[in-house]
């Protein structure tokens, strides 16, 4: 049985296996190592850590806007880059961008409007 060319190209570009391919422990371990080497994953973690530190040091509004800005940057990166980083690929490109934008707007609006007691 011959493999579909589009499936092979898509799985090579995104690092996501086709549903019919067998999932084994070794393949999962290799995929997690590849994601751990991704600079996008580390920059995302650094951005989250920066927003937490800014929330503690400055204010909730500053930390919330920093996190919202990070989510917007990730959404633009996921939508604009031809080969998306494996740490940003969850579902389809449209779905990932929509979720990141909705989260960015939600975090940004809530961090500015929720009263702090």
PDB file of N, CA and C in Angstrom:
ATOM      1  N   UNK A   1       0.842  -1.175   0.000  1.00  0.00           N
ATOM      2  CA  UNK A   1       0.000   0.000   0.000  1.00  0.00           C
ATOM      3  C   UNK A   1       0.888   1.238   0.000  1.00  0.00           C
ATOM      4  N   UNK A   2       0.646   2.110  -0.943  1.00  0.00           N
ATOM      5  CA  UNK A   2       1.484   3.292  -1.096  1.00  0.00           C
ATOM      6  C   UNK A   2       0.977   4.423  -0.216  1.00  0.00           C
ATOM      7  N   UNK A   3       1.914   5.146   0.410  1.00  0.00           N
ATOM      8  CA  UNK A   3       1.560   6.247   1.302  1.00  0.00           C
ATOM      9  C   UNK A   3       1.196   7.481   0.490  1.00  0.00           C
ATOM     10  N   UNK A   4       0.243   8.237   0.976  1.00  0.00           N
ATOM     11  CA  UNK A   4      -0.173   9.466   0.307  1.00  0.00           C
ATOM     12  C   UNK A   4       0.935  10.502   0.419  1.00  0.00           C
ATOM     13  N   UNK A   5       1.291  11.152  -0.702  1.00  0.00           N
ATOM     14  CA  UNK A   5       2.367  12.143  -0.736  1.00  0.00           C
ATOM     15  C   UNK A   5       2.068  13.332   0.157  1.00  0.00           C
ATOM     16  N   UNK A   6       0.802  13.776   0.194  1.00  0.00           N
ATOM     17  CA  UNK A   6       0.442  14.924   1.029  1.00  0.00           C
ATOM     18  C   UNK A   6       0.618  14.607   2.502  1.00  0.00           C
ATOM     19  N   UNK A   7       0.297  13.382   2.902  1.00  0.00           N
ATOM     20  CA  UNK A   7       0.457  12.977   4.294  1.00  0.00           C
ATOM     21  C   UNK A   7       1.929  12.996   4.684  1.00  0.00           C
ATOM     22  N   UNK A   8       2.772  12.463   3.814  1.00  0.00           N
ATOM     23  CA  UNK A   8       4.201  12.426   4.106  1.00  0.00           C
ATOM     24  C   UNK A   8       4.770  13.837   4.201  1.00  0.00           C
ATOM     25  N   UNK A   9       4.383  14.707   3.274  1.00  0.00           N
ATOM     26  CA  UNK A   9       4.874  16.078   3.290  1.00  0.00           C
ATOM     27  C   UNK A   9       4.374  16.817   4.516  1.00  0.00           C
ATOM     28  N   UNK A  10       3.097  16.645   4.861  1.00  0.00           N
ATOM     29  CA  UNK A  10       2.537  17.338   6.017  1.00  0.00           C
ATOM     30  C   UNK A  10       3.179  16.862   7.310  1.00  0.00           C
ATOM     31  N   UNK A  11       3.387  15.559   7.437  1.00  0.00           N
ATOM     32  CA  UNK A  11       3.979  15.069   8.681  1.00  0.00           C
ATOM     33  C   UNK A  11       5.438  15.472   8.785  1.00  0.00           C
ATOM     34  N   UNK A  12       6.137  15.580   7.660  1.00  0.00           N
ATOM     35  CA  UNK A  12       7.526  16.020   7.705  1.00  0.00           C
ATOM     36  C   UNK A  12       7.623  17.500   8.045  1.00  0.00           C
ATOM     37  N   UNK A  13       6.680  18.298   7.558  1.00  0.00           N
ATOM     38  CA  UNK A  13       6.736  19.741   7.797  1.00  0.00           C
ATOM     39  C   UNK A  13       6.323  20.108   9.210  1.00  0.00           C
ATOM     40  N   UNK A  14       5.333  19.410   9.748  1.00  0.00           N
ATOM     41  CA  UNK A  14       4.822  19.789  11.061  1.00  0.00           C
ATOM     42  C   UNK A  14       5.334  18.916  12.188  1.00  0.00           C
ATOM     43  N   UNK A  15       5.888  17.768  11.855  1.00  0.00           N
ATOM     44  CA  UNK A  15       6.337  16.862  12.892  1.00  0.00           C
ATOM     45  C   UNK A  15       5.196  16.075  13.510  1.00  0.00           C
ATOM     46  N   UNK A  16       4.000  16.154  12.917  1.00  0.00           N
ATOM     47  CA  UNK A  16       2.835  15.454  13.433  1.00  0.00           C
ATOM     48  C   UNK A  16       2.624  14.211  12.600  1.00  0.00           C
ATOM     49  N   UNK A  17       2.477  13.086  13.257  1.00  0.00           N
ATOM     50  CA  UNK A  17       2.299  11.829  12.549  1.00  0.00           C
ATOM     51  C   UNK A  17       0.879  11.686  12.035  1.00  0.00           C
ATOM     52  N   UNK A  18       0.732  10.896  10.988  1.00  0.00           N
ATOM     53  CA  UNK A  18      -0.587  10.587  10.451  1.00  0.00           C
ATOM     54  C   UNK A  18      -1.300   9.656  11.427  1.00  0.00           C
ATOM     55  N   UNK A  19      -2.612   9.705  11.458  1.00  0.00           N
ATOM     56  CA  UNK A  19      -3.394   8.930  12.426  1.00  0.00           C
ATOM     57  C   UNK A  19      -3.224   7.432  12.231  1.00  0.00           C
ATOM     58  N   UNK A  20      -2.934   6.996  11.002  1.00  0.00           N
ATOM     59  CA  UNK A  20      -2.794   5.569  10.737  1.00  0.00           C
ATOM     60  C   UNK A  20      -1.436   5.016  11.144  1.00  0.00           C
ATOM     61  N   UNK A  21      -0.458   5.891  11.374  1.00  0.00           N
ATOM     62  CA  UNK A  21       0.862   5.425  11.744  1.00  0.00           C
ATOM     63  C   UNK A  21       0.867   4.987  13.208  1.00  0.00           C
ATOM     64  N   UNK A  22       1.644   3.944  13.471  1.00  0.00           N
ATOM     65  CA  UNK A  22       1.683   3.396  14.824  1.00  0.00           C
ATOM     66  C   UNK A  22       2.422   4.353  15.756  1.00  0.00           C
ATOM     67  N   UNK A  23       1.895   4.498  16.967  1.00  0.00           N
ATOM     68  CA  UNK A  23       2.539   5.323  17.983  1.00  0.00           C
ATOM     69  C   UNK A  23       3.278   4.393  18.939  1.00  0.00           C
ATOM     70  N   UNK A  24       4.570   4.582  19.024  1.00  0.00           N
ATOM     71  CA  UNK A  24       5.341   3.781  19.952  1.00  0.00           C
ATOM     72  C   UNK A  24       6.032   4.689  20.957  1.00  0.00           C
ATOM     73  N   UNK A  25       6.531   4.098  22.020  1.00  0.00           N
ATOM     74  CA  UNK A  25       7.158   4.877  23.086  1.00  0.00           C
ATOM     75  C   UNK A  25       8.418   5.577  22.598  1.00  0.00           C
ATOM     76  N   UNK A  26       9.175   4.918  21.734  1.00  0.00           N
ATOM     77  CA  UNK A  26      10.412   5.519  21.239  1.00  0.00           C
ATOM     78  C   UNK A  26      10.117   6.741  20.371  1.00  0.00           C
ATOM     79  N   UNK A  27       9.119   6.663  19.513  1.00  0.00           N
ATOM     80  CA  UNK A  27       8.746   7.793  18.676  1.00  0.00           C
ATOM     81  C   UNK A  27       8.257   8.967  19.499  1.00  0.00           C
ATOM     82  N   UNK A  28       7.492   8.683  20.547  1.00  0.00           N
ATOM     83  CA  UNK A  28       6.997   9.748  21.420  1.00  0.00           C
ATOM     84  C   UNK A  28       8.152  10.404  22.173  1.00  0.00           C
ATOM     85  N   UNK A  29       9.110   9.603  22.603  1.00  0.00           N
ATOM     86  CA  UNK A  29      10.266  10.155  23.320  1.00  0.00           C
ATOM     87  C   UNK A  29      11.116  11.030  22.402  1.00  0.00           C
ATOM     88  N   UNK A  30      11.308  10.586  21.162  1.00  0.00           N
ATOM     89  CA  UNK A  30      12.084  11.386  20.216  1.00  0.00           C
ATOM     90  C   UNK A  30      11.373  12.691  19.882  1.00  0.00           C
ATOM     91  N   UNK A  31      10.053  12.645  19.761  1.00  0.00           N
ATOM     92  CA  UNK A  31       9.290  13.861  19.477  1.00  0.00           C
ATOM     93  C   UNK A  31       9.373  14.847  20.636  1.00  0.00           C
ATOM     94  N   UNK A  32       9.329  14.335  21.870  1.00  0.00           N
ATOM     95  CA  UNK A  32       9.416  15.241  23.015  1.00  0.00           C
ATOM     96  C   UNK A  32      10.806  15.849  23.136  1.00  0.00           C
ATOM     97  N   UNK A  33      11.839  15.104  22.765  1.00  0.00           N
ATOM     98  CA  UNK A  33      13.189  15.665  22.770  1.00  0.00           C
ATOM     99  C   UNK A  33      13.325  16.752  21.717  1.00  0.00           C
ATOM    100  N   UNK A  34      12.717  16.545  20.558  1.00  0.00           N
ATOM    101  CA  UNK A  34      12.777  17.556  19.499  1.00  0.00           C
ATOM    102  C   UNK A  34      12.057  18.824  19.934  1.00  0.00           C
ATOM    103  N   UNK A  35      10.926  18.683  20.607  1.00  0.00           N
ATOM    104  CA  UNK A  35      10.200  19.866  21.095  1.00  0.00           C
ATOM    105  C   UNK A  35      10.994  20.573  22.184  1.00  0.00           C
ATOM    106  N   UNK A  36      11.710  19.821  23.006  1.00  0.00           N
ATOM    107  CA  UNK A  36      12.516  20.420  24.072  1.00  0.00           C
ATOM    108  C   UNK A  36      13.687  21.224  23.550  1.00  0.00           C
ATOM    109  N   UNK A  37      14.131  20.912  22.336  1.00  0.00           N
ATOM    110  CA  UNK A  37      15.233  21.659  21.730  1.00  0.00           C
ATOM    111  C   UNK A  37      14.750  22.877  20.966  1.00  0.00           C
ATOM    112  N   UNK A  38      13.460  23.059  20.891  1.00  0.00           N
ATOM    113  CA  UNK A  38      12.885  24.156  20.118  1.00  0.00           C
ATOM    114  C   UNK A  38      13.105  25.486  20.841  1.00  0.00           C
ATOM    115  N   UNK A  39      13.714  26.463  20.172  1.00  0.00           N
ATOM    116  CA  UNK A  39      13.891  27.770  20.824  1.00  0.00           C
ATOM    117  C   UNK A  39      12.546  28.452  21.084  1.00  0.00           C
ATOM    118  N   UNK A  40      11.531  28.141  20.288  1.00  0.00           N
ATOM    119  CA  UNK A  40      10.206  28.738  20.498  1.00  0.00           C
ATOM    120  C   UNK A  40       9.643  28.348  21.850  1.00  0.00           C
ATOM    121  N   UNK A  41       9.854  27.107  22.239  1.00  0.00           N
ATOM    122  CA  UNK A  41       9.368  26.654  23.542  1.00  0.00           C
ATOM    123  C   UNK A  41      10.048  27.431  24.669  1.00  0.00           C
ATOM    124  N   UNK A  42      11.344  27.636  24.562  1.00  0.00           N
ATOM    125  CA  UNK A  42      12.080  28.347  25.600  1.00  0.00           C
ATOM    126  C   UNK A  42      11.736  29.831  25.625  1.00  0.00           C
ATOM    127  N   UNK A  43      11.546  30.450  24.456  1.00  0.00           N
ATOM    128  CA  UNK A  43      11.141  31.862  24.425  1.00  0.00           C
ATOM    129  C   UNK A  43       9.738  32.033  24.997  1.00  0.00           C
ATOM    130  N   UNK A  44       8.858  31.064  24.736  1.00  0.00           N
ATOM    131  CA  UNK A  44       7.511  31.119  25.305  1.00  0.00           C
ATOM    132  C   UNK A  44       7.570  31.013  26.826  1.00  0.00           C
ATOM    133  N   UNK A  45       8.367  30.078  27.318  1.00  0.00           N
ATOM    134  CA  UNK A  45       8.520  29.939  28.778  1.00  0.00           C
ATOM    135  C   UNK A  45       9.122  31.199  29.392  1.00  0.00           C
ATOM    136  N   UNK A  46      10.081  31.795  28.713  1.00  0.00           N
ATOM    137  CA  UNK A  46      10.688  33.033  29.218  1.00  0.00           C
ATOM    138  C   UNK A  46       9.670  34.165  29.244  1.00  0.00           C
ATOM    139  N   UNK A  47       8.815  34.248  28.223  1.00  0.00           N
ATOM    140  CA  UNK A  47       7.772  35.278  28.198  1.00  0.00           C
ATOM    141  C   UNK A  47       6.758  35.104  29.308  1.00  0.00           C
ATOM    142  N   UNK A  48       6.392  33.854  29.581  1.00  0.00           N
ATOM    143  CA  UNK A  48       5.458  33.587  30.685  1.00  0.00           C
ATOM    144  C   UNK A  48       6.108  33.948  32.016  1.00  0.00           C
ATOM    145  N   UNK A  49       7.375  33.566  32.181  1.00  0.00           N
ATOM    146  CA  UNK A  49       8.083  33.908  33.420  1.00  0.00           C
ATOM    147  C   UNK A  49       8.201  35.426  33.584  1.00  0.00           C
ATOM    148  N   UNK A  50       8.469  36.133  32.491  1.00  0.00           N
ATOM    149  CA  UNK A  50       8.550  37.595  32.545  1.00  0.00           C
ATOM    150  C   UNK A  50       7.213  38.202  32.957  1.00  0.00           C
ATOM    151  N   UNK A  51       6.117  37.691  32.424  1.00  0.00           N
ATOM    152  CA  UNK A  51       4.808  38.241  32.800  1.00  0.00           C
ATOM    153  C   UNK A  51       4.484  37.961  34.265  1.00  0.00           C
ATOM    154  N   UNK A  52       4.904  36.811  34.777  1.00  0.00           N
ATOM    155  CA  UNK A  52       4.679  36.509  36.198  1.00  0.00           C
ATOM    156  C   UNK A  52       5.509  37.451  37.073  1.00  0.00           C
ATOM    157  N   UNK A  53       6.766  37.652  36.705  1.00  0.00           N
ATOM    158  CA  UNK A  53       7.625  38.550  37.486  1.00  0.00           C
ATOM    159  C   UNK A  53       7.080  39.973  37.445  1.00  0.00           C
ATOM    160  N   UNK A  54       6.633  40.428  36.275  1.00  0.00           N
ATOM    161  CA  UNK A  54       6.072  41.776  36.176  1.00  0.00           C
ATOM    162  C   UNK A  54       4.777  41.906  36.973  1.00  0.00           C
ATOM    163  N   UNK A  55       4.017  40.829  37.060  1.00  0.00           N
ATOM    164  CA  UNK A  55       2.805  40.858  37.879  1.00  0.00           C
ATOM    165  C   UNK A  55       3.164  41.039  39.345  1.00  0.00           C
ATOM    166  N   UNK A  56       4.193  40.346  39.816  1.00  0.00           N
ATOM    167  CA  UNK A  56       4.601  40.472  41.208  1.00  0.00           C
ATOM    168  C   UNK A  56       5.243  41.828  41.487  1.00  0.00           C
ATOM    169  N   UNK A  57       6.118  42.263  40.594  1.00  0.00           N
ATOM    170  CA  UNK A  57       6.908  43.467  40.842  1.00  0.00           C
ATOM    171  C   UNK A  57       6.115  44.734  40.554  1.00  0.00           C
ATOM    172  N   UNK A  58       5.498  44.802  39.393  1.00  0.00           N
ATOM    173  CA  UNK A  58       4.838  46.044  38.971  1.00  0.00           C
ATOM    174  C   UNK A  58       3.357  46.030  39.349  1.00  0.00           C
ATOM    175  N   UNK A  59       2.566  45.318  38.553  1.00  0.00           N
ATOM    176  CA  UNK A  59       1.120  45.362  38.734  1.00  0.00           C
ATOM    177  C   UNK A  59       0.488  44.248  37.918  1.00  0.00           C
ATOM    178  N   UNK A  60      -0.742  43.900  38.255  1.00  0.00           N
ATOM    179  CA  UNK A  60      -1.461  42.867  37.518  1.00  0.00           C
ATOM    180  C   UNK A  60      -1.729  43.318  36.078  1.00  0.00           C
ATOM    181  N   UNK A  61      -2.009  44.594  35.896  1.00  0.00           N
ATOM    182  CA  UNK A  61      -2.277  45.093  34.553  1.00  0.00           C
ATOM    183  C   UNK A  61      -1.050  44.943  33.652  1.00  0.00           C
ATOM    184  N   UNK A  62       0.121  45.243  34.164  1.00  0.00           N
ATOM    185  CA  UNK A  62       1.350  45.143  33.376  1.00  0.00           C
ATOM    186  C   UNK A  62       1.640  43.682  33.026  1.00  0.00           C
ATOM    187  N   UNK A  63       1.520  42.807  34.006  1.00  0.00           N
ATOM    188  CA  UNK A  63       1.742  41.382  33.754  1.00  0.00           C
ATOM    189  C   UNK A  63       0.733  40.808  32.780  1.00  0.00           C
ATOM    190  N   UNK A  64      -0.529  41.219  32.898  1.00  0.00           N
ATOM    191  CA  UNK A  64      -1.559  40.742  31.988  1.00  0.00           C
ATOM    192  C   UNK A  64      -1.337  41.203  30.559  1.00  0.00           C
ATOM    193  N   UNK A  65      -0.944  42.459  30.410  1.00  0.00           N
ATOM    194  CA  UNK A  65      -0.659  42.962  29.063  1.00  0.00           C
ATOM    195  C   UNK A  65       0.573  42.296  28.458  1.00  0.00           C
ATOM    196  N   UNK A  66       1.553  41.977  29.291  1.00  0.00           N
ATOM    197  CA  UNK A  66       2.736  41.268  28.796  1.00  0.00           C
ATOM    198  C   UNK A  66       2.357  39.874  28.302  1.00  0.00           C
ATOM    199  N   UNK A  67       1.523  39.180  29.060  1.00  0.00           N
ATOM    200  CA  UNK A  67       1.069  37.856  28.648  1.00  0.00           C
ATOM    201  C   UNK A  67       0.208  37.944  27.387  1.00  0.00           C
ATOM    202  N   UNK A  68      -0.650  38.947  27.290  1.00  0.00           N
ATOM    203  CA  UNK A  68      -1.471  39.137  26.095  1.00  0.00           C
ATOM    204  C   UNK A  68      -0.596  39.414  24.874  1.00  0.00           C
ATOM    205  N   UNK A  69       0.440  40.237  25.047  1.00  0.00           N
ATOM    206  CA  UNK A  69       1.360  40.525  23.952  1.00  0.00           C
ATOM    207  C   UNK A  69       2.092  39.258  23.511  1.00  0.00           C
ATOM    208  N   UNK A  70       2.508  38.437  24.454  1.00  0.00           N
ATOM    209  CA  UNK A  70       3.158  37.172  24.122  1.00  0.00           C
ATOM    210  C   UNK A  70       2.217  36.289  23.310  1.00  0.00           C
ATOM    211  N   UNK A  71       0.954  36.206  23.704  1.00  0.00           N
ATOM    212  CA  UNK A  71      -0.010  35.391  22.977  1.00  0.00           C
ATOM    213  C   UNK A  71      -0.240  35.919  21.559  1.00  0.00           C
ATOM    214  N   UNK A  72      -0.251  37.233  21.398  1.00  0.00           N
ATOM    215  CA  UNK A  72      -0.396  37.819  20.056  1.00  0.00           C
ATOM    216  C   UNK A  72       0.823  37.479  19.198  1.00  0.00           C
ATOM    217  N   UNK A  73       2.011  37.582  19.761  1.00  0.00           N
ATOM    218  CA  UNK A  73       3.231  37.249  19.026  1.00  0.00           C
ATOM    219  C   UNK A  73       3.204  35.781  18.600  1.00  0.00           C
ATOM    220  N   UNK A  74       2.769  34.905  19.484  1.00  0.00           N
ATOM    221  CA  UNK A  74       2.681  33.481  19.147  1.00  0.00           C
ATOM    222  C   UNK A  74       1.633  33.240  18.066  1.00  0.00           C
ATOM    223  N   UNK A  75       0.495  33.950  18.131  1.00  0.00           N
ATOM    224  CA  UNK A  75      -0.547  33.794  17.118  1.00  0.00           C
ATOM    225  C   UNK A  75      -0.047  34.250  15.753  1.00  0.00           C
ATOM    226  N   UNK A  76       0.636  35.388  15.706  1.00  0.00           N
ATOM    227  CA  UNK A  76       1.174  35.881  14.436  1.00  0.00           C
ATOM    228  C   UNK A  76       2.234  34.915  13.906  1.00  0.00           C
ATOM    229  N   UNK A  77       3.067  34.400  14.786  1.00  0.00           N
ATOM    230  CA  UNK A  77       4.097  33.447  14.369  1.00  0.00           C
ATOM    231  C   UNK A  77       3.475  32.174  13.816  1.00  0.00           C
ATOM    232  N   UNK A  78       2.465  31.666  14.491  1.00  0.00           N
ATOM    233  CA  UNK A  78       1.799  30.440  14.027  1.00  0.00           C
ATOM    234  C   UNK A  78       1.097  30.670  12.702  1.00  0.00           C
ATOM    235  N   UNK A  79       0.523  31.846  12.521  1.00  0.00           N
ATOM    236  CA  UNK A  79      -0.207  32.119  11.297  1.00  0.00           C
ATOM    237  C   UNK A  79       0.686  32.503  10.128  1.00  0.00           C
ATOM    238  N   UNK A  80       1.804  33.159  10.385  1.00  0.00           N
ATOM    239  CA  UNK A  80       2.617  33.715   9.302  1.00  0.00           C
ATOM    240  C   UNK A  80       3.764  32.814   8.852  1.00  0.00           C
ATOM    241  N   UNK A  81       4.325  32.044   9.752  1.00  0.00           N
ATOM    242  CA  UNK A  81       5.470  31.217   9.379  1.00  0.00           C
ATOM    243  C   UNK A  81       5.030  30.025   8.534  1.00  0.00           C
ATOM    244  N   UNK A  82       5.771  29.785   7.474  1.00  0.00           N
ATOM    245  CA  UNK A  82       5.414  28.677   6.574  1.00  0.00           C
ATOM    246  C   UNK A  82       5.543  27.325   7.278  1.00  0.00           C
ATOM    247  N   UNK A  83       6.642  27.110   7.956  1.00  0.00           N
ATOM    248  CA  UNK A  83       6.802  25.890   8.750  1.00  0.00           C
ATOM    249  C   UNK A  83       6.745  26.304  10.211  1.00  0.00           C
ATOM    250  N   UNK A  84       5.657  25.983  10.847  1.00  0.00           N
ATOM    251  CA  UNK A  84       5.444  26.396  12.232  1.00  0.00           C
ATOM    252  C   UNK A  84       6.307  25.578  13.176  1.00  0.00           C
ATOM    253  N   UNK A  85       6.761  26.199  14.254  1.00  0.00           N
ATOM    254  CA  UNK A  85       7.522  25.459  15.262  1.00  0.00           C
ATOM    255  C   UNK A  85       6.655  24.376  15.890  1.00  0.00           C
ATOM    256  N   UNK A  86       7.254  23.227  16.183  1.00  0.00           N
ATOM    257  CA  UNK A  86       6.491  22.102  16.720  1.00  0.00           C
ATOM    258  C   UNK A  86       5.860  22.426  18.070  1.00  0.00           C
ATOM    259  N   UNK A  87       6.435  23.357  18.804  1.00  0.00           N
ATOM    260  CA  UNK A  87       5.862  23.705  20.109  1.00  0.00           C
ATOM    261  C   UNK A  87       4.588  24.533  19.975  1.00  0.00           C
ATOM    262  N   UNK A  88       4.290  25.065  18.781  1.00  0.00           N
ATOM    263  CA  UNK A  88       3.067  25.848  18.579  1.00  0.00           C
ATOM    264  C   UNK A  88       1.981  25.068  17.851  1.00  0.00           C
ATOM    265  N   UNK A  89       2.299  23.904  17.318  1.00  0.00           N
ATOM    266  CA  UNK A  89       1.334  23.143  16.534  1.00  0.00           C
ATOM    267  C   UNK A  89       0.509  22.259  17.453  1.00  0.00           C
ATOM    268  N   UNK A  90      -0.801  22.527  17.502  1.00  0.00           N
ATOM    269  CA  UNK A  90      -1.705  21.694  18.280  1.00  0.00           C
ATOM    270  C   UNK A  90      -2.779  21.118  17.363  1.00  0.00           C
ATOM    271  N   UNK A  91      -3.493  21.973  16.685  1.00  0.00           N
ATOM    272  CA  UNK A  91      -4.535  21.561  15.744  1.00  0.00           C
ATOM    273  C   UNK A  91      -4.213  22.157  14.386  1.00  0.00           C
ATOM    274  N   UNK A  92      -5.225  22.555  13.664  1.00  0.00           N
ATOM    275  CA  UNK A  92      -4.984  23.207  12.379  1.00  0.00           C
ATOM    276  C   UNK A  92      -4.452  24.622  12.625  1.00  0.00           C
ATOM    277  N   UNK A  93      -3.851  25.197  11.605  1.00  0.00           N
ATOM    278  CA  UNK A  93      -3.282  26.541  11.727  1.00  0.00           C
ATOM    279  C   UNK A  93      -4.365  27.551  12.122  1.00  0.00           C
ATOM    280  N   UNK A  94      -5.517  27.477  11.466  1.00  0.00           N
ATOM    281  CA  UNK A  94      -6.604  28.415  11.756  1.00  0.00           C
ATOM    282  C   UNK A  94      -7.087  28.278  13.193  1.00  0.00           C
ATOM    283  N   UNK A  95      -7.240  27.051  13.650  1.00  0.00           N
ATOM    284  CA  UNK A  95      -7.704  26.806  15.019  1.00  0.00           C
ATOM    285  C   UNK A  95      -6.694  27.321  16.034  1.00  0.00           C
ATOM    286  N   UNK A  96      -5.425  27.044  15.817  1.00  0.00           N
ATOM    287  CA  UNK A  96      -4.386  27.496  16.748  1.00  0.00           C
ATOM    288  C   UNK A  96      -4.340  29.016  16.837  1.00  0.00           C
ATOM    289  N   UNK A  97      -4.399  29.685  15.684  1.00  0.00           N
ATOM    290  CA  UNK A  97      -4.351  31.155  15.671  1.00  0.00           C
ATOM    291  C   UNK A  97      -5.583  31.725  16.360  1.00  0.00           C
ATOM    292  N   UNK A  98      -6.755  31.151  16.078  1.00  0.00           N
ATOM    293  CA  UNK A  98      -7.984  31.648  16.704  1.00  0.00           C
ATOM    294  C   UNK A  98      -7.940  31.504  18.223  1.00  0.00           C
ATOM    295  N   UNK A  99      -7.476  30.365  18.701  1.00  0.00           N
ATOM    296  CA  UNK A  99      -7.397  30.150  20.157  1.00  0.00           C
ATOM    297  C   UNK A  99      -6.413  31.130  20.788  1.00  0.00           C
ATOM    298  N   UNK A 100      -5.254  31.330  20.175  1.00  0.00           N
ATOM    299  CA  UNK A 100      -4.265  32.253  20.733  1.00  0.00           C
ATOM    300  C   UNK A 100      -4.775  33.692  20.742  1.00  0.00           C
ATOM    301  N   UNK A 101      -5.478  34.098  19.686  1.00  0.00           N
ATOM    302  CA  UNK A 101      -6.005  35.468  19.633  1.00  0.00           C
ATOM    303  C   UNK A 101      -7.107  35.664  20.669  1.00  0.00           C
ATOM    304  N   UNK A 102      -8.003  34.686  20.797  1.00  0.00           N
ATOM    305  CA  UNK A 102      -9.075  34.791  21.795  1.00  0.00           C
ATOM    306  C   UNK A 102      -8.489  34.854  23.201  1.00  0.00           C
ATOM    307  N   UNK A 103      -7.479  34.035  23.468  1.00  0.00           N
ATOM    308  CA  UNK A 103      -6.825  34.078  24.782  1.00  0.00           C
ATOM    309  C   UNK A 103      -6.138  35.425  25.012  1.00  0.00           C
ATOM    310  N   UNK A 104      -5.487  35.962  23.984  1.00  0.00           N
ATOM    311  CA  UNK A 104      -4.806  37.256  24.121  1.00  0.00           C
ATOM    312  C   UNK A 104      -5.802  38.362  24.430  1.00  0.00           C
ATOM    313  N   UNK A 105      -6.905  38.393  23.700  1.00  0.00           N
ATOM    314  CA  UNK A 105      -7.917  39.420  23.946  1.00  0.00           C
ATOM    315  C   UNK A 105      -8.526  39.239  25.336  1.00  0.00           C
ATOM    316  N   UNK A 106      -8.828  37.999  25.696  1.00  0.00           N
ATOM    317  CA  UNK A 106      -9.415  37.742  27.014  1.00  0.00           C
ATOM    318  C   UNK A 106      -8.499  38.146  28.150  1.00  0.00           C
ATOM    319  N   UNK A 107      -7.242  37.752  28.074  1.00  0.00           N
ATOM    320  CA  UNK A 107      -6.285  38.104  29.132  1.00  0.00           C
ATOM    321  C   UNK A 107      -6.071  39.616  29.172  1.00  0.00           C
ATOM    322  N   UNK A 108      -5.944  40.219  27.997  1.00  0.00           N
ATOM    323  CA  UNK A 108      -5.729  41.669  27.949  1.00  0.00           C
ATOM    324  C   UNK A 108      -6.883  42.459  28.517  1.00  0.00           C
ATOM    325  N   UNK A 109      -8.098  42.103  28.139  1.00  0.00           N
ATOM    326  CA  UNK A 109      -9.280  42.821  28.627  1.00  0.00           C
ATOM    327  C   UNK A 109      -9.495  42.567  30.113  1.00  0.00           C
ATOM    328  N   UNK A 110      -9.417  41.311  30.519  1.00  0.00           N
ATOM    329  CA  UNK A 110      -9.656  40.996  31.938  1.00  0.00           C
ATOM    330  C   UNK A 110      -8.598  41.614  32.847  1.00  0.00           C
ATOM    331  N   UNK A 111      -7.349  41.654  32.389  1.00  0.00           N
ATOM    332  CA  UNK A 111      -6.310  42.236  33.253  1.00  0.00           C
ATOM    333  C   UNK A 111      -6.502  43.738  33.444  1.00  0.00           C
ATOM    334  N   UNK A 112      -7.208  44.382  32.546  1.00  0.00           N
ATOM    335  CA  UNK A 112      -7.438  45.821  32.660  1.00  0.00           C
ATOM    336  C   UNK A 112      -8.749  46.170  33.350  1.00  0.00           C
ATOM    337  N   UNK A 113      -9.712  45.241  33.342  1.00  0.00           N
ATOM    338  CA  UNK A 113     -11.050  45.586  33.820  1.00  0.00           C
ATOM    339  C   UNK A 113     -11.430  44.954  35.158  1.00  0.00           C
ATOM    340  N   UNK A 114     -10.810  43.868  35.530  1.00  0.00           N
ATOM    341  CA  UNK A 114     -11.191  43.207  36.785  1.00  0.00           C
ATOM    342  C   UNK A 114     -10.714  44.055  37.952  1.00  0.00           C
ATOM    343  N   UNK A 115     -11.626  44.386  38.866  1.00  0.00           N
ATOM    344  CA  UNK A 115     -11.212  45.209  40.013  1.00  0.00           C
ATOM    345  C   UNK A 115     -10.311  44.432  40.970  1.00  0.00           C
ATOM    346  N   UNK A 116      -9.277  45.078  41.417  1.00  0.00           N
ATOM    347  CA  UNK A 116      -8.346  44.462  42.349  1.00  0.00           C
ATOM    348  C   UNK A 116      -8.694  44.903  43.763  1.00  0.00           C
ATOM    349  N   UNK A 117      -8.889  43.947  44.632  1.00  0.00           N
ATOM    350  CA  UNK A 117      -9.297  44.257  46.001  1.00  0.00           C
ATOM    351  C   UNK A 117      -8.094  44.283  46.902  1.00  0.00           C
TER     352      UNK A 117
END
